[in-house]
Structure formats: C-alpha cells, structure tokens
N, C-alpha and C. Protein backbone atom coordinates (compact mmCIF):
# COMPACT_ATOMS: atom_id res chain seq x y z
N UNK A 1 -57.21 14.57 -26.24
CA UNK A 1 -56.67 14.42 -24.90
C UNK A 1 -56.41 15.81 -24.31
N UNK A 2 -56.85 16.00 -23.11
CA UNK A 2 -56.62 17.29 -22.49
C UNK A 2 -55.29 17.30 -21.74
N UNK A 3 -54.91 18.46 -21.29
CA UNK A 3 -53.58 18.63 -20.66
C UNK A 3 -53.45 17.83 -19.37
N UNK A 4 -54.48 17.70 -18.59
CA UNK A 4 -54.39 16.98 -17.31
C UNK A 4 -54.11 15.51 -17.54
N UNK A 5 -54.68 14.93 -18.57
CA UNK A 5 -54.44 13.51 -18.87
C UNK A 5 -53.00 13.31 -19.34
N UNK A 6 -52.51 14.24 -20.16
CA UNK A 6 -51.11 14.16 -20.63
C UNK A 6 -50.16 14.29 -19.44
N UNK A 7 -50.49 15.23 -18.55
CA UNK A 7 -49.63 15.43 -17.38
C UNK A 7 -49.65 14.19 -16.48
N UNK A 8 -50.80 13.56 -16.30
CA UNK A 8 -50.88 12.33 -15.50
C UNK A 8 -50.04 11.22 -16.11
N UNK A 9 -50.13 11.05 -17.41
CA UNK A 9 -49.34 10.02 -18.10
C UNK A 9 -47.86 10.34 -17.97
N UNK A 10 -47.50 11.60 -18.14
CA UNK A 10 -46.10 12.02 -18.03
C UNK A 10 -45.57 11.78 -16.61
N UNK A 11 -46.38 12.04 -15.60
CA UNK A 11 -45.96 11.79 -14.21
C UNK A 11 -45.70 10.30 -13.99
N UNK A 12 -46.56 9.44 -14.52
CA UNK A 12 -46.36 8.00 -14.38
C UNK A 12 -45.10 7.53 -15.11
N UNK A 13 -44.88 8.07 -16.28
CA UNK A 13 -43.67 7.71 -17.04
C UNK A 13 -42.42 8.12 -16.27
N UNK A 14 -42.43 9.35 -15.75
CA UNK A 14 -41.29 9.82 -14.96
C UNK A 14 -41.10 9.00 -13.69
N UNK A 15 -42.21 8.61 -13.06
CA UNK A 15 -42.12 7.80 -11.84
C UNK A 15 -41.51 6.43 -12.15
N UNK A 16 -41.93 5.83 -13.25
CA UNK A 16 -41.39 4.52 -13.63
C UNK A 16 -39.91 4.64 -13.99
N UNK A 17 -39.52 5.69 -14.72
CA UNK A 17 -38.11 5.89 -15.04
C UNK A 17 -37.27 6.11 -13.78
N UNK A 18 -37.80 6.91 -12.86
CA UNK A 18 -37.08 7.16 -11.60
C UNK A 18 -36.93 5.86 -10.80
N UNK A 19 -37.99 5.07 -10.76
CA UNK A 19 -37.92 3.80 -10.02
C UNK A 19 -36.91 2.86 -10.66
N UNK A 20 -36.88 2.81 -11.97
CA UNK A 20 -35.90 1.97 -12.66
C UNK A 20 -34.48 2.44 -12.40
N UNK A 21 -34.29 3.75 -12.41
CA UNK A 21 -32.96 4.32 -12.15
C UNK A 21 -32.51 3.97 -10.73
N UNK A 22 -33.38 4.19 -9.76
CA UNK A 22 -33.05 3.89 -8.37
C UNK A 22 -32.82 2.39 -8.19
N UNK A 23 -33.66 1.58 -8.83
CA UNK A 23 -33.52 0.13 -8.71
C UNK A 23 -32.20 -0.36 -9.27
N UNK A 24 -31.82 0.12 -10.44
CA UNK A 24 -30.58 -0.33 -11.07
C UNK A 24 -29.36 0.09 -10.25
N UNK A 25 -29.31 1.37 -9.88
CA UNK A 25 -28.13 1.83 -9.15
C UNK A 25 -28.17 1.39 -7.69
N UNK A 26 -29.35 1.17 -7.16
CA UNK A 26 -29.44 0.61 -5.81
C UNK A 26 -28.90 -0.81 -5.79
N UNK A 27 -29.20 -1.56 -6.83
CA UNK A 27 -28.69 -2.93 -6.94
C UNK A 27 -27.17 -2.92 -7.04
N UNK A 28 -26.66 -2.02 -7.88
CA UNK A 28 -25.20 -1.92 -8.03
C UNK A 28 -24.55 -1.54 -6.70
N UNK A 29 -25.16 -0.60 -6.01
CA UNK A 29 -24.63 -0.18 -4.71
C UNK A 29 -24.66 -1.34 -3.71
N UNK A 30 -25.74 -2.07 -3.69
CA UNK A 30 -25.85 -3.21 -2.77
C UNK A 30 -24.80 -4.27 -3.09
N UNK A 31 -24.58 -4.55 -4.36
CA UNK A 31 -23.56 -5.53 -4.74
C UNK A 31 -22.16 -5.06 -4.34
N UNK A 32 -21.91 -3.78 -4.50
CA UNK A 32 -20.60 -3.24 -4.11
C UNK A 32 -20.40 -3.35 -2.60
N UNK A 33 -21.44 -3.05 -1.84
CA UNK A 33 -21.34 -3.15 -0.37
C UNK A 33 -21.10 -4.59 0.05
N UNK A 34 -21.80 -5.52 -0.56
CA UNK A 34 -21.62 -6.94 -0.25
C UNK A 34 -20.20 -7.38 -0.59
N UNK A 35 -19.68 -6.92 -1.73
CA UNK A 35 -18.32 -7.28 -2.14
C UNK A 35 -17.29 -6.74 -1.14
N UNK A 36 -17.48 -5.51 -0.69
CA UNK A 36 -16.55 -4.94 0.29
C UNK A 36 -16.57 -5.73 1.59
N UNK A 37 -17.77 -6.10 2.05
CA UNK A 37 -17.86 -6.86 3.29
C UNK A 37 -17.16 -8.21 3.16
N UNK A 38 -17.34 -8.87 2.02
CA UNK A 38 -16.67 -10.15 1.80
C UNK A 38 -15.16 -9.98 1.81
N UNK A 39 -14.67 -8.92 1.15
CA UNK A 39 -13.22 -8.68 1.10
C UNK A 39 -12.68 -8.42 2.51
N UNK A 40 -13.40 -7.63 3.29
CA UNK A 40 -12.95 -7.37 4.66
C UNK A 40 -12.95 -8.64 5.49
N UNK A 41 -13.99 -9.46 5.32
CA UNK A 41 -14.07 -10.71 6.08
C UNK A 41 -12.92 -11.63 5.71
N UNK A 42 -12.62 -11.73 4.40
CA UNK A 42 -11.51 -12.57 3.96
C UNK A 42 -10.19 -12.03 4.46
N UNK A 43 -10.03 -10.70 4.44
CA UNK A 43 -8.80 -10.09 4.92
C UNK A 43 -8.63 -10.36 6.41
N UNK A 44 -9.72 -10.24 7.14
CA UNK A 44 -9.67 -10.51 8.58
C UNK A 44 -9.32 -11.98 8.85
N UNK A 45 -9.90 -12.86 8.04
CA UNK A 45 -9.61 -14.29 8.21
C UNK A 45 -8.14 -14.58 7.89
N UNK A 46 -7.61 -13.92 6.87
CA UNK A 46 -6.20 -14.13 6.51
C UNK A 46 -5.30 -13.66 7.64
N UNK A 47 -5.62 -12.50 8.22
CA UNK A 47 -4.81 -12.01 9.33
C UNK A 47 -4.89 -12.95 10.52
N UNK A 48 -6.07 -13.48 10.76
CA UNK A 48 -6.24 -14.42 11.87
C UNK A 48 -5.42 -15.67 11.68
N UNK A 49 -5.38 -16.19 10.44
CA UNK A 49 -4.59 -17.39 10.20
C UNK A 49 -3.10 -17.09 10.31
N UNK A 50 -2.69 -15.87 9.91
CA UNK A 50 -1.28 -15.50 10.05
C UNK A 50 -0.91 -15.41 11.52
N UNK A 51 -1.80 -14.83 12.33
CA UNK A 51 -1.54 -14.72 13.76
C UNK A 51 -1.46 -16.10 14.39
N UNK A 52 -2.33 -17.01 13.96
CA UNK A 52 -2.31 -18.36 14.50
C UNK A 52 -1.00 -19.06 14.14
N UNK A 53 -0.52 -18.88 12.91
CA UNK A 53 0.72 -19.53 12.52
C UNK A 53 1.89 -18.97 13.31
N UNK A 54 1.87 -17.67 13.60
CA UNK A 54 2.93 -17.07 14.41
C UNK A 54 2.89 -17.66 15.82
N UNK A 55 1.68 -17.79 16.36
CA UNK A 55 1.54 -18.37 17.70
C UNK A 55 2.02 -19.82 17.71
N UNK A 56 1.69 -20.58 16.68
CA UNK A 56 2.13 -21.97 16.61
C UNK A 56 3.65 -22.05 16.51
N UNK A 57 4.26 -21.15 15.73
CA UNK A 57 5.72 -21.12 15.62
C UNK A 57 6.35 -20.81 16.98
N UNK A 58 5.75 -19.87 17.71
CA UNK A 58 6.27 -19.54 19.04
C UNK A 58 6.17 -20.74 19.97
N UNK A 59 5.06 -21.45 19.91
CA UNK A 59 4.89 -22.63 20.75
C UNK A 59 5.93 -23.69 20.42
N UNK A 60 6.15 -23.91 19.11
CA UNK A 60 7.16 -24.90 18.71
C UNK A 60 8.55 -24.49 19.18
N UNK A 61 8.87 -23.21 19.06
CA UNK A 61 10.18 -22.71 19.48
C UNK A 61 10.36 -22.90 20.98
N UNK A 62 9.34 -22.57 21.77
CA UNK A 62 9.42 -22.75 23.22
C UNK A 62 9.58 -24.23 23.58
N UNK A 63 8.84 -25.09 22.89
CA UNK A 63 8.95 -26.52 23.16
C UNK A 63 10.35 -27.02 22.83
N UNK A 64 10.90 -26.57 21.72
CA UNK A 64 12.25 -26.97 21.32
C UNK A 64 13.28 -26.47 22.34
N UNK A 65 13.13 -25.25 22.81
CA UNK A 65 14.04 -24.72 23.81
C UNK A 65 13.96 -25.51 25.10
N UNK A 66 12.74 -25.90 25.46
CA UNK A 66 12.54 -26.68 26.67
C UNK A 66 13.24 -28.03 26.56
N UNK A 67 13.11 -28.68 25.41
CA UNK A 67 13.76 -29.97 25.18
C UNK A 67 15.28 -29.82 25.25
N UNK A 68 15.80 -28.78 24.62
CA UNK A 68 17.26 -28.56 24.64
C UNK A 68 17.74 -28.30 26.07
N UNK A 69 16.97 -27.56 26.84
CA UNK A 69 17.34 -27.28 28.22
C UNK A 69 17.39 -28.56 29.04
N UNK A 70 16.40 -29.45 28.84
CA UNK A 70 16.38 -30.73 29.55
C UNK A 70 17.57 -31.59 29.16
N UNK A 71 17.90 -31.61 27.85
CA UNK A 71 19.07 -32.40 27.40
C UNK A 71 20.35 -31.87 28.03
N UNK A 72 20.50 -30.56 28.08
CA UNK A 72 21.71 -29.97 28.67
C UNK A 72 21.79 -30.30 30.16
N UNK A 73 20.65 -30.25 30.84
CA UNK A 73 20.62 -30.56 32.26
C UNK A 73 20.99 -32.02 32.51
N UNK A 74 20.45 -32.92 31.65
CA UNK A 74 20.75 -34.34 31.76
C UNK A 74 22.24 -34.60 31.49
N UNK A 75 22.78 -33.95 30.49
CA UNK A 75 24.20 -34.12 30.17
C UNK A 75 25.08 -33.63 31.31
N UNK A 76 24.69 -32.53 31.93
CA UNK A 76 25.45 -32.00 33.07
C UNK A 76 25.41 -32.97 34.24
N UNK A 77 24.24 -33.59 34.49
CA UNK A 77 24.10 -34.57 35.56
C UNK A 77 25.01 -35.77 35.30
N UNK A 78 25.01 -36.26 34.06
CA UNK A 78 25.84 -37.42 33.73
C UNK A 78 27.32 -37.09 33.85
N UNK A 79 27.69 -35.89 33.49
CA UNK A 79 29.09 -35.48 33.61
C UNK A 79 29.50 -35.44 35.08
N UNK A 80 28.62 -34.94 35.92
CA UNK A 80 28.92 -34.87 37.36
C UNK A 80 29.02 -36.29 37.95
N UNK A 81 28.15 -37.22 37.50
CA UNK A 81 28.20 -38.60 37.98
C UNK A 81 29.53 -39.25 37.63
N UNK A 82 29.96 -39.07 36.41
CA UNK A 82 31.22 -39.70 35.94
C UNK A 82 32.42 -39.13 36.63
N UNK A 83 32.43 -37.84 36.88
CA UNK A 83 33.61 -37.23 37.47
C UNK A 83 33.58 -37.37 39.00
N UNK A 84 32.46 -37.60 39.58
CA UNK A 84 32.31 -37.62 41.03
C UNK A 84 32.32 -38.92 41.66
C-alpha cells in the first residue's frame, strides 16, 4: 500500500469519527434545547393559571362586595319604611 492510499483511508476514518462526534453531541444539544423549551412553556402555563386564579378571586370578591352593598341598601330602605 502506498502513502496516498493510507492517507485516503485515514481521511475517511477521521471524517467518520468527526461525523459521529458531531452527531452524538448535536443530538444531546438538540435534546437539551427541547427540554428547555418545554420547561419554559410549562412555566409560562403555570404563571398563566396563577394569573387566572387571581383574576377569578378578584371577580368573586367584587361580586361578594356588590351583594353586600345591595343587602345594606335594602336594609336601609326597610329601616326607613318602618320608621317613616
């Protein structure tokens, strides 16, 4: 075997090793990126549900205050009727 044939074989071996290296670590990198995106999406969804629950609590509180205000107004009207 002459030197050029050995060098050609060596180049192919190095190319295959480099491709395997890039493929393995590229896959790992891709999986890590996908995992980060999922975590961010889940975190965003959790924050959204927390914001919704806060909004729902505010709505319930306002509704309760409105009901109490109506009851107080009705009680005041009845008191005025009885005394007047």
